[in-house]
C-alpha atoms as a PDB file:
ATOM      1  CA  UNK A   1       2.724 -29.520   4.603  1.00  0.00           C
ATOM      2  CA  UNK A   2      -0.390 -28.617   6.171  1.00  0.00           C
ATOM      3  CA  UNK A   3      -2.814 -25.909   5.672  1.00  0.00           C
ATOM      4  CA  UNK A   4      -3.077 -22.988   8.318  1.00  0.00           C
ATOM      5  CA  UNK A   5      -6.029 -23.199  10.836  1.00  0.00           C
ATOM      6  CA  UNK A   6      -9.022 -20.729  10.008  1.00  0.00           C
ATOM      7  CA  UNK A   7     -10.172 -18.498  12.802  1.00  0.00           C
ATOM      8  CA  UNK A   8     -14.240 -18.133  13.264  1.00  0.00           C
ATOM      9  CA  UNK A   9     -16.434 -15.359  14.372  1.00  0.00           C
ATOM     10  CA  UNK A  10     -17.982 -15.127  17.753  1.00  0.00           C
ATOM     11  CA  UNK A  11     -20.689 -13.916  19.991  1.00  0.00           C
ATOM     12  CA  UNK A  12     -24.119 -12.459  18.688  1.00  0.00           C
ATOM     13  CA  UNK A  13     -23.113 -11.878  15.133  1.00  0.00           C
ATOM     14  CA  UNK A  14     -21.859 -15.359  14.697  1.00  0.00           C
ATOM     15  CA  UNK A  15     -25.202 -16.579  16.072  1.00  0.00           C
ATOM     16  CA  UNK A  16     -27.204 -14.493  13.719  1.00  0.00           C
ATOM     17  CA  UNK A  17     -25.093 -15.746  10.796  1.00  0.00           C
ATOM     18  CA  UNK A  18     -25.470 -19.452  11.653  1.00  0.00           C
ATOM     19  CA  UNK A  19     -29.207 -18.956  12.394  1.00  0.00           C
ATOM     20  CA  UNK A  20     -30.257 -16.944   9.082  1.00  0.00           C
ATOM     21  CA  UNK A  21     -27.079 -16.893   7.006  1.00  0.00           C
ATOM     22  CA  UNK A  22     -27.463 -17.848   3.320  1.00  0.00           C
ATOM     23  CA  UNK A  23     -24.522 -19.554   1.724  1.00  0.00           C
ATOM     24  CA  UNK A  24     -22.612 -18.193  -1.587  1.00  0.00           C
ATOM     25  CA  UNK A  25     -19.935 -19.745  -3.028  1.00  0.00           C
ATOM     26  CA  UNK A  26     -17.384 -18.289  -5.213  1.00  0.00           C
ATOM     27  CA  UNK A  27     -14.730 -19.623  -7.461  1.00  0.00           C
ATOM     28  CA  UNK A  28     -11.216 -18.432  -7.764  1.00  0.00           C
ATOM     29  CA  UNK A  29     -10.955 -15.026  -8.963  1.00  0.00           C
ATOM     30  CA  UNK A  30     -14.648 -14.246  -8.681  1.00  0.00           C
ATOM     31  CA  UNK A  31     -15.507 -10.941  -7.272  1.00  0.00           C
ATOM     32  CA  UNK A  32     -17.871  -8.959  -5.318  1.00  0.00           C
ATOM     33  CA  UNK A  33     -18.451  -5.114  -5.239  1.00  0.00           C
ATOM     34  CA  UNK A  34     -20.410  -4.740  -2.187  1.00  0.00           C
ATOM     35  CA  UNK A  35     -21.607  -1.116  -3.154  1.00  0.00           C
ATOM     36  CA  UNK A  36     -23.152  -2.659  -6.266  1.00  0.00           C
ATOM     37  CA  UNK A  37     -24.944  -5.485  -4.431  1.00  0.00           C
ATOM     38  CA  UNK A  38     -28.918  -5.552  -4.317  1.00  0.00           C
ATOM     39  CA  UNK A  39     -30.004  -5.811  -1.452  1.00  0.00           C
ATOM     40  CA  UNK A  40     -26.817  -4.658   0.347  1.00  0.00           C
ATOM     41  CA  UNK A  41     -25.559  -7.706   2.553  1.00  0.00           C
ATOM     42  CA  UNK A  42     -23.329  -8.339   5.435  1.00  0.00           C
ATOM     43  CA  UNK A  43     -20.795 -10.879   4.421  1.00  0.00           C
ATOM     44  CA  UNK A  44     -18.851 -13.599   6.621  1.00  0.00           C
ATOM     45  CA  UNK A  45     -15.953 -15.406   5.008  1.00  0.00           C
ATOM     46  CA  UNK A  46     -16.357 -18.860   6.291  1.00  0.00           C
ATOM     47  CA  UNK A  47     -13.877 -20.858   4.142  1.00  0.00           C
ATOM     48  CA  UNK A  48     -10.823 -19.271   1.941  1.00  0.00           C
ATOM     49  CA  UNK A  49      -9.407 -16.148   1.434  1.00  0.00           C
ATOM     50  CA  UNK A  50     -10.227 -12.782  -0.484  1.00  0.00           C
ATOM     51  CA  UNK A  51      -8.199  -9.671  -1.503  1.00  0.00           C
ATOM     52  CA  UNK A  52      -9.405  -6.457  -0.956  1.00  0.00           C
ATOM     53  CA  UNK A  53      -8.583  -3.713  -3.841  1.00  0.00           C
ATOM     54  CA  UNK A  54      -9.188  -0.251  -4.821  1.00  0.00           C
ATOM     55  CA  UNK A  55      -8.838   0.976  -8.630  1.00  0.00           C
ATOM     56  CA  UNK A  56      -8.246   4.578  -9.588  1.00  0.00           C
ATOM     57  CA  UNK A  57     -11.170   6.168 -11.659  1.00  0.00           C
ATOM     58  CA  UNK A  58      -9.601   5.430 -14.949  1.00  0.00           C
ATOM     59  CA  UNK A  59      -9.387   1.604 -14.004  1.00  0.00           C
ATOM     60  CA  UNK A  60      -5.722   1.226 -14.965  1.00  0.00           C
ATOM     61  CA  UNK A  61      -4.322   1.059 -11.547  1.00  0.00           C
ATOM     62  CA  UNK A  62      -4.926  -1.412  -8.869  1.00  0.00           C
ATOM     63  CA  UNK A  63      -4.063  -1.330  -5.263  1.00  0.00           C
ATOM     64  CA  UNK A  64      -4.584  -4.210  -2.968  1.00  0.00           C
ATOM     65  CA  UNK A  65      -5.191  -2.795   0.541  1.00  0.00           C
ATOM     66  CA  UNK A  66      -5.911  -5.852   2.577  1.00  0.00           C
ATOM     67  CA  UNK A  67      -6.875  -9.696   2.746  1.00  0.00           C
ATOM     68  CA  UNK A  68      -9.867 -11.381   4.414  1.00  0.00           C
ATOM     69  CA  UNK A  69      -9.701 -14.838   5.980  1.00  0.00           C
ATOM     70  CA  UNK A  70     -12.132 -17.007   7.880  1.00  0.00           C
ATOM     71  CA  UNK A  71     -14.036 -14.957  10.482  1.00  0.00           C
ATOM     72  CA  UNK A  72     -13.669 -11.695   8.538  1.00  0.00           C
ATOM     73  CA  UNK A  73     -16.725  -9.795   7.312  1.00  0.00           C
ATOM     74  CA  UNK A  74     -17.353  -7.077   4.617  1.00  0.00           C
ATOM     75  CA  UNK A  75     -20.144  -5.348   3.173  1.00  0.00           C
ATOM     76  CA  UNK A  76     -21.178  -3.287   6.408  1.00  0.00           C
ATOM     77  CA  UNK A  77     -21.160   0.202   4.310  1.00  0.00           C
ATOM     78  CA  UNK A  78     -24.721   1.326   5.131  1.00  0.00           C
ATOM     79  CA  UNK A  79     -25.766  -0.965   7.728  1.00  0.00           C
ATOM     80  CA  UNK A  80     -25.313   2.116  10.329  1.00  0.00           C
ATOM     81  CA  UNK A  81     -27.739   4.023   8.062  1.00  0.00           C
ATOM     82  CA  UNK A  82     -24.878   6.401   6.762  1.00  0.00           C
ATOM     83  CA  UNK A  83     -24.185   7.155   3.187  1.00  0.00           C
ATOM     84  CA  UNK A  84     -21.465   4.777   1.502  1.00  0.00           C
ATOM     85  CA  UNK A  85     -18.096   6.379   1.077  1.00  0.00           C
ATOM     86  CA  UNK A  86     -15.752   6.517  -1.750  1.00  0.00           C
ATOM     87  CA  UNK A  87     -13.711   3.646  -0.650  1.00  0.00           C
ATOM     88  CA  UNK A  88     -16.733   1.400  -0.462  1.00  0.00           C
ATOM     89  CA  UNK A  89     -16.244   1.104  -4.259  1.00  0.00           C
ATOM     90  CA  UNK A  90     -13.543  -1.591  -3.174  1.00  0.00           C
ATOM     91  CA  UNK A  91     -13.760  -5.080  -5.151  1.00  0.00           C
ATOM     92  CA  UNK A  92     -13.410  -8.145  -3.159  1.00  0.00           C
ATOM     93  CA  UNK A  93     -11.957 -10.848  -4.943  1.00  0.00           C
ATOM     94  CA  UNK A  94     -11.750 -14.691  -4.096  1.00  0.00           C
ATOM     95  CA  UNK A  95      -7.843 -15.876  -4.263  1.00  0.00           C
ATOM     96  CA  UNK A  96      -9.186 -19.227  -4.118  1.00  0.00           C
ATOM     97  CA  UNK A  97     -12.558 -21.196  -3.895  1.00  0.00           C
ATOM     98  CA  UNK A  98     -14.559 -19.383  -1.311  1.00  0.00           C
ATOM     99  CA  UNK A  99     -17.645 -19.951   1.041  1.00  0.00           C
ATOM    100  CA  UNK A 100     -19.442 -17.091   2.344  1.00  0.00           C
ATOM    101  CA  UNK A 101     -22.530 -16.665   4.643  1.00  0.00           C
ATOM    102  CA  UNK A 102     -24.362 -13.521   4.282  1.00  0.00           C
ATOM    103  CA  UNK A 103     -27.403 -11.643   5.854  1.00  0.00           C
ATOM    104  CA  UNK A 104     -29.199  -8.526   4.571  1.00  0.00           C
ATOM    105  CA  UNK A 105     -28.728  -5.160   6.189  1.00  0.00           C
ATOM    106  CA  UNK A 106     -32.263  -5.236   7.162  1.00  0.00           C
ATOM    107  CA  UNK A 107     -32.075  -8.658   8.768  1.00  0.00           C
ATOM    108  CA  UNK A 108     -29.088  -7.378  10.569  1.00  0.00           C
ATOM    109  CA  UNK A 109     -30.869  -4.184  11.898  1.00  0.00           C
ATOM    110  CA  UNK A 110     -34.048  -6.339  13.035  1.00  0.00           C
ATOM    111  CA  UNK A 111     -31.786  -8.633  14.953  1.00  0.00           C
ATOM    112  CA  UNK A 112     -29.823  -5.780  16.369  1.00  0.00           C
ATOM    113  CA  UNK A 113     -33.186  -4.413  18.055  1.00  0.00           C
ATOM    114  CA  UNK A 114     -33.209  -7.646  20.269  1.00  0.00           C
ATOM    115  CA  UNK A 115     -29.500  -7.982  20.415  1.00  0.00           C
ATOM    116  CA  UNK A 116     -27.588  -4.574  20.816  1.00  0.00           C
ATOM    117  CA  UNK A 117     -24.407  -6.086  21.063  1.00  0.00           C
ATOM    118  CA  UNK A 118     -24.191  -6.961  17.364  1.00  0.00           C
ATOM    119  CA  UNK A 119     -23.382  -3.436  16.592  1.00  0.00           C
ATOM    120  CA  UNK A 120     -20.531  -3.347  19.136  1.00  0.00           C
ATOM    121  CA  UNK A 121     -19.195  -6.724  17.589  1.00  0.00           C
ATOM    122  CA  UNK A 122     -19.326  -5.337  14.175  1.00  0.00           C
ATOM    123  CA  UNK A 123     -17.878  -1.945  15.176  1.00  0.00           C
ATOM    124  CA  UNK A 124     -14.959  -4.243  16.537  1.00  0.00           C
ATOM    125  CA  UNK A 125     -14.658  -5.904  13.363  1.00  0.00           C
ATOM    126  CA  UNK A 126     -14.256  -2.538  11.465  1.00  0.00           C
ATOM    127  CA  UNK A 127     -11.981  -1.186  13.958  1.00  0.00           C
ATOM    128  CA  UNK A 128      -9.548  -4.094  13.469  1.00  0.00           C
ATOM    129  CA  UNK A 129      -9.538  -3.472   9.690  1.00  0.00           C
ATOM    130  CA  UNK A 130      -9.026  -0.013   9.940  1.00  0.00           C
ATOM    131  CA  UNK A 131      -5.976  -0.731  11.986  1.00  0.00           C
ATOM    132  CA  UNK A 132      -4.777  -3.171   9.558  1.00  0.00           C
ATOM    133  CA  UNK A 133      -5.300  -0.539   6.715  1.00  0.00           C
ATOM    134  CA  UNK A 134      -3.347   1.979   8.777  1.00  0.00           C
ATOM    135  CA  UNK A 135      -0.388  -0.211   9.121  1.00  0.00           C
ATOM    136  CA  UNK A 136      -0.524  -0.949   5.266  1.00  0.00           C
ATOM    137  CA  UNK A 137      -0.404   3.101   4.875  1.00  0.00           C
ATOM    138  CA  UNK A 138       2.348   3.176   7.268  1.00  0.00           C
ATOM    139  CA  UNK A 139       4.408   0.943   5.100  1.00  0.00           C
ATOM    140  CA  UNK A 140       3.758   2.610   2.005  1.00  0.00           C
ATOM    141  CA  UNK A 141       5.045   6.143   3.735  1.00  0.00           C
ATOM    142  CA  UNK A 142       8.039   4.841   5.566  1.00  0.00           C
ATOM    143  CA  UNK A 143       9.172   1.382   4.412  1.00  0.00           C
ATOM    144  CA  UNK A 144      11.533   0.938   1.383  1.00  0.00           C
ATOM    145  CA  UNK A 145      10.401  -1.332  -1.282  1.00  0.00           C
ATOM    146  CA  UNK A 146      12.210  -4.323   0.172  1.00  0.00           C
ATOM    147  CA  UNK A 147      10.604  -3.962   3.499  1.00  0.00           C
ATOM    148  CA  UNK A 148       7.225  -3.541   1.950  1.00  0.00           C
ATOM    149  CA  UNK A 149       7.780  -6.592   0.096  1.00  0.00           C
ATOM    150  CA  UNK A 150       8.760  -8.868   2.824  1.00  0.00           C
ATOM    151  CA  UNK A 151       5.972  -7.510   5.034  1.00  0.00           C
ATOM    152  CA  UNK A 152       3.415  -8.294   2.295  1.00  0.00           C
ATOM    153  CA  UNK A 153       4.792 -11.826   2.012  1.00  0.00           C
ATOM    154  CA  UNK A 154       4.677 -12.177   5.770  1.00  0.00           C
ATOM    155  CA  UNK A 155       0.888 -11.082   5.620  1.00  0.00           C
ATOM    156  CA  UNK A 156      -0.039 -13.703   3.037  1.00  0.00           C
ATOM    157  CA  UNK A 157       1.403 -16.560   5.280  1.00  0.00           C
ATOM    158  CA  UNK A 158      -1.358 -15.840   7.818  1.00  0.00           C
ATOM    159  CA  UNK A 159      -4.277 -16.985   5.087  1.00  0.00           C
ATOM    160  CA  UNK A 160      -5.586 -20.180   5.448  1.00  0.00           C
ATOM    161  CA  UNK A 161      -4.257 -21.552   2.203  1.00  0.00           C
ATOM    162  CA  UNK A 162      -0.887 -20.969   3.285  1.00  0.00           C
ATOM    163  CA  UNK A 163       1.393 -24.265   3.480  1.00  0.00           C
ATOM    164  CA  UNK A 164       3.511 -25.215   6.423  1.00  0.00           C
ATOM    165  CA  UNK A 165       7.187 -26.079   5.103  1.00  0.00           C
ATOM    166  CA  UNK A 166      10.037 -27.419   7.017  1.00  0.00           C
ATOM    167  CA  UNK A 167      11.758 -24.230   6.529  1.00  0.00           C
ATOM    168  CA  UNK A 168       8.724 -21.716   7.173  1.00  0.00           C
ATOM    169  CA  UNK A 169       5.536 -21.079   5.260  1.00  0.00           C
ATOM    170  CA  UNK A 170       4.902 -21.802   1.563  1.00  0.00           C
ATOM    171  CA  UNK A 171       2.708 -19.294  -0.271  1.00  0.00           C
ATOM    172  CA  UNK A 172       1.292 -18.403  -3.687  1.00  0.00           C
ATOM    173  CA  UNK A 173       1.635 -15.189  -5.034  1.00  0.00           C
ATOM    174  CA  UNK A 174       2.478 -13.735  -8.377  1.00  0.00           C
ATOM    175  CA  UNK A 175       4.806 -10.595  -9.034  1.00  0.00           C
ATOM    176  CA  UNK A 176       1.771  -8.668 -10.249  1.00  0.00           C
ATOM    177  CA  UNK A 177      -0.043  -9.498  -7.061  1.00  0.00           C
ATOM    178  CA  UNK A 178       2.936  -8.328  -5.198  1.00  0.00           C
ATOM    179  CA  UNK A 179       3.178  -5.202  -6.999  1.00  0.00           C
ATOM    180  CA  UNK A 180      -0.217  -4.170  -6.351  1.00  0.00           C
ATOM    181  CA  UNK A 181       0.360  -4.870  -2.437  1.00  0.00           C
ATOM    182  CA  UNK A 182       3.119  -2.565  -2.129  1.00  0.00           C
ATOM    183  CA  UNK A 183       2.423   0.106  -4.676  1.00  0.00           C
ATOM    184  CA  UNK A 184       5.411  -0.479  -7.471  1.00  0.00           C
ATOM    185  CA  UNK A 185       5.875  -2.145 -10.853  1.00  0.00           C
ATOM    186  CA  UNK A 186       5.732  -5.804 -11.539  1.00  0.00           C
ATOM    187  CA  UNK A 187       9.465  -5.414 -12.539  1.00  0.00           C
ATOM    188  CA  UNK A 188      10.432  -3.877  -9.281  1.00  0.00           C
ATOM    189  CA  UNK A 189       8.413  -6.553  -7.274  1.00  0.00           C
ATOM    190  CA  UNK A 190      10.511  -9.154  -9.061  1.00  0.00           C
ATOM    191  CA  UNK A 191      13.983  -7.287  -8.226  1.00  0.00           C
ATOM    192  CA  UNK A 192      12.822  -7.136  -4.621  1.00  0.00           C
ATOM    193  CA  UNK A 193      12.097 -10.652  -4.488  1.00  0.00           C
ATOM    194  CA  UNK A 194      15.703 -11.421  -5.819  1.00  0.00           C
ATOM    195  CA  UNK A 195      17.221  -9.201  -3.228  1.00  0.00           C
ATOM    196  CA  UNK A 196      15.172 -10.833  -0.614  1.00  0.00           C
ATOM    197  CA  UNK A 197      16.034 -14.344  -1.787  1.00  0.00           C
ATOM    198  CA  UNK A 198      19.708 -13.505  -2.073  1.00  0.00           C
ATOM    199  CA  UNK A 199      19.526 -12.632   1.879  1.00  0.00           C
ATOM    200  CA  UNK A 200      18.053 -15.860   2.735  1.00  0.00           C
ATOM    201  CA  UNK A 201      14.657 -14.529   3.597  1.00  0.00           C
ATOM    202  CA  UNK A 202      12.903 -16.421   1.425  1.00  0.00           C
ATOM    203  CA  UNK A 203      12.867 -19.317  -1.488  1.00  0.00           C
ATOM    204  CA  UNK A 204      11.176 -18.352  -4.677  1.00  0.00           C
ATOM    205  CA  UNK A 205      10.071 -20.506  -7.639  1.00  0.00           C
ATOM    206  CA  UNK A 206       7.697 -18.738  -9.892  1.00  0.00           C
ATOM    207  CA  UNK A 207       4.637 -17.911  -7.690  1.00  0.00           C
ATOM    208  CA  UNK A 208       5.595 -20.230  -5.209  1.00  0.00           C
ATOM    209  CA  UNK A 209       7.286 -18.677  -2.417  1.00  0.00           C
ATOM    210  CA  UNK A 210       8.683 -20.236   0.965  1.00  0.00           C
ATOM    211  CA  UNK A 211       9.023 -17.666   3.663  1.00  0.00           C
ATOM    212  CA  UNK A 212      11.685 -18.651   5.780  1.00  0.00           C
ATOM    213  CA  UNK A 213      11.686 -18.811   9.495  1.00  0.00           C
ATOM    214  CA  UNK A 214       7.857 -17.751   9.648  1.00  0.00           C
ATOM    215  CA  UNK A 215       5.157 -20.092  10.869  1.00  0.00           C
ATOM    216  CA  UNK A 216       1.697 -18.317  10.406  1.00  0.00           C
ATOM    217  CA  UNK A 217       3.100 -14.808  10.098  1.00  0.00           C
ATOM    218  CA  UNK A 218       5.384 -14.973  13.316  1.00  0.00           C
ATOM    219  CA  UNK A 219       9.016 -15.951  13.481  1.00  0.00           C
ATOM    220  CA  UNK A 220       9.518 -19.508  14.875  1.00  0.00           C
ATOM    221  CA  UNK A 221      11.023 -18.265  18.170  1.00  0.00           C
ATOM    222  CA  UNK A 222       8.110 -16.135  18.614  1.00  0.00           C
ATOM    223  CA  UNK A 223       6.004 -19.383  18.052  1.00  0.00           C
ATOM    224  CA  UNK A 224       7.894 -21.175  20.669  1.00  0.00           C
ATOM    225  CA  UNK A 225       7.531 -18.386  23.264  1.00  0.00           C
ATOM    226  CA  UNK A 226       3.939 -18.442  22.638  1.00  0.00           C
ATOM    227  CA  UNK A 227       3.399 -22.131  23.472  1.00  0.00           C
ATOM    228  CA  UNK A 228       5.857 -21.676  26.486  1.00  0.00           C
ATOM    229  CA  UNK A 229       3.088 -19.146  27.688  1.00  0.00           C
ATOM    230  CA  UNK A 230       0.232 -21.285  27.071  1.00  0.00           C
ATOM    231  CA  UNK A 231       1.606 -24.039  28.799  1.00  0.00           C
END
């Protein structure tokens, strides 16, 4: 089995990170809360993957709203001289050992004076993440639990720590993590896993799950069509 290939950032932002970015290493389960960082920084994920979570004011409920992989950025709140919004209190947690590059917002603003495209590239990244968050909201509103769980499993197959498997993609995901992604209890997530397994869509042994017929987030037949088009 082999690991999924990471993506990379490109353009003026990437050149800025390569020239001035400072490295930060996180161990599995370490977290960053961008709103509390001082100085405020923009981060680029270089290796590994991270989960973006929100908790309620009481701290007894957690919702995973997205995942970050190599090439993704976070910590842009305040870079546009706007006041941080409530969702900026999201915590960003490492799913495995993670390598980041970071630049301060002041460094970003100075660089943008000579390379205005930096802001348009950053806006494109924000727009992409907004679309992903909107998709998550639509799932919560309109999909049943089984559909939400299956789509969440497919989402994890796109991360770099997913492994190729003869029958699909192998991922590592606990029932608690799945519950936090789908807005349900751990017990409900476990029942959904059993139903998906009975339908032949997955294989599951503890936290090790094989999503059958999927390669890096796409069905096998879609992968074949993509290769044909590229040729």
